[in-house]
Structure formats: structure tokens, C-alpha cells
Protein backbone atom coordinates (compact mmCIF):
# COMPACT_ATOMS: atom_id res chain seq x y z
CA MET A 1 -80.94 27.13 41.54
CA ILE A 2 -79.47 24.59 43.65
CA ASN A 3 -81.00 21.17 43.61
CA GLN A 4 -83.09 21.41 40.71
CA PRO A 5 -82.41 20.84 36.50
CA VAL A 6 -80.85 23.66 34.69
CA THR A 7 -80.96 23.43 30.79
CA LEU A 8 -77.89 24.86 28.77
CA SER A 9 -78.32 25.42 25.38
CA PHE A 10 -75.88 26.57 22.81
CA LYS A 11 -76.78 28.28 19.77
CA VAL A 12 -74.19 27.50 16.89
CA HIS A 13 -75.15 29.54 14.31
CA GLU A 14 -75.14 27.71 11.41
CA ALA A 15 -72.03 25.70 12.02
CA THR A 16 -72.17 21.81 11.38
CA LEU A 17 -71.26 20.01 14.19
CA GLU A 18 -69.55 16.76 14.20
CA PRO A 19 -69.65 14.44 16.71
CA TYR A 20 -66.83 14.30 19.04
CA LEU A 21 -65.82 11.78 21.63
CA GLY A 22 -69.74 9.96 20.91
CA ALA A 23 -71.65 12.81 21.60
CA MET A 24 -72.67 15.97 19.48
CA GLY A 25 -70.55 17.86 22.10
CA HIS A 26 -69.23 17.89 25.75
CA VAL A 27 -69.87 20.34 28.95
CA VAL A 28 -67.19 20.25 31.36
CA ILE A 29 -68.22 22.20 34.98
CA LEU A 30 -65.92 22.98 37.81
CA ASP A 31 -66.93 24.94 41.20
CA GLU A 32 -64.63 27.37 42.45
CA LYS A 33 -62.75 25.25 44.93
CA ALA A 34 -62.48 23.00 42.16
CA GLU A 35 -64.07 20.19 44.90
CA GLN A 36 -67.37 19.56 42.06
CA TYR A 37 -66.35 18.22 38.84
CA LEU A 38 -69.60 17.58 36.25
CA HIS A 39 -69.07 16.19 32.65
CA VAL A 40 -72.70 16.69 30.68
CA HIS A 41 -73.74 15.14 27.50
CA PRO A 42 -76.47 16.55 25.43
CA LEU A 43 -80.10 15.27 26.12
CA LYS A 44 -80.56 14.31 22.13
CA GLU A 45 -78.01 12.82 20.25
CA ASP A 46 -78.40 15.50 17.38
CA GLU A 47 -78.78 18.99 19.66
CA THR A 48 -76.62 21.36 21.56
CA VAL A 49 -79.06 21.19 24.59
CA PHE A 50 -77.66 19.73 28.02
CA GLU A 51 -79.48 19.52 31.34
CA THR A 52 -77.42 19.30 34.90
CA GLU A 53 -78.08 20.10 38.26
CA PHE A 54 -75.89 22.11 40.73
CA SER A 55 -75.85 21.14 44.74
CA GLN A 56 -74.12 24.07 46.12
CA PRO A 57 -74.29 28.10 45.24
CA GLY A 58 -71.12 29.78 44.08
CA ILE A 59 -68.99 30.13 41.09
CA TYR A 60 -68.85 27.73 38.30
CA LYS A 61 -66.67 27.80 35.10
CA ILE A 62 -68.38 25.99 32.33
CA TRP A 63 -66.28 24.53 29.03
CA ALA A 64 -68.75 23.84 26.17
CA GLU A 65 -66.75 21.83 23.58
CA PHE A 66 -67.52 21.23 19.57
CA GLN A 67 -65.90 19.68 17.02
CA GLN A 68 -66.15 21.05 13.13
CA ASN A 69 -64.16 20.00 10.50
CA GLY A 70 -62.56 18.25 12.40
CA LYS A 71 -61.34 20.41 14.92
CA VAL A 72 -62.57 20.93 18.62
CA THR A 73 -63.45 24.38 19.62
CA VAL A 74 -63.65 24.86 23.51
CA TYR A 75 -66.26 27.78 24.86
CA PRO A 76 -65.59 28.80 28.18
CA PHE A 77 -68.36 30.71 30.88
CA VAL A 78 -68.77 31.60 34.34
CA ILE A 79 -72.01 31.64 36.02
CA GLU A 80 -73.12 32.38 39.84
CA VAL A 81 -75.39 29.58 40.82
CA LYS A 82 -77.73 31.11 43.33
């Protein structure tokens, strides 16, 4: 949905996450034309729940980044916003 808050929630299945660059995780979002870039932090310090808004419909690539045992893992997703 465009111009409405969208919640992105990530389940990390028993992983013990560590703060990474000052947050429990980061989400980076890029539209298909590489014109819109979003960088989102968690809503709460100790959770992996993020909130953002999309201003245009289209295809977006999402990278969710989390750190565990000193190693950052990036999880890529592709979504369509209508």
C-alpha cells in the first residue's frame, strides 16, 4: 500500500542478535529504478520490527541486515507494492 505505514517484521528463530551500527538491525530498500532509497531502523531497540512507507507502487528490493556472533548477515527480498 502506498502512503500508509507498512510493518516489516523479521523472525530470527532463536538467534541471539547483537547491535549492529547502533541498532538491532537495519533494513535498506531500493525501488526498481534505483531512484528511491530508504534506510529503516527498528521501532524498538531490542526488536526486529521496522516500519516504513512507500510513496509509489512498484517492485522494491529489500535487504535486512542483522549481526550474530560478530558476523553480519544480509537477507534479500523482492516485493511488489500496489
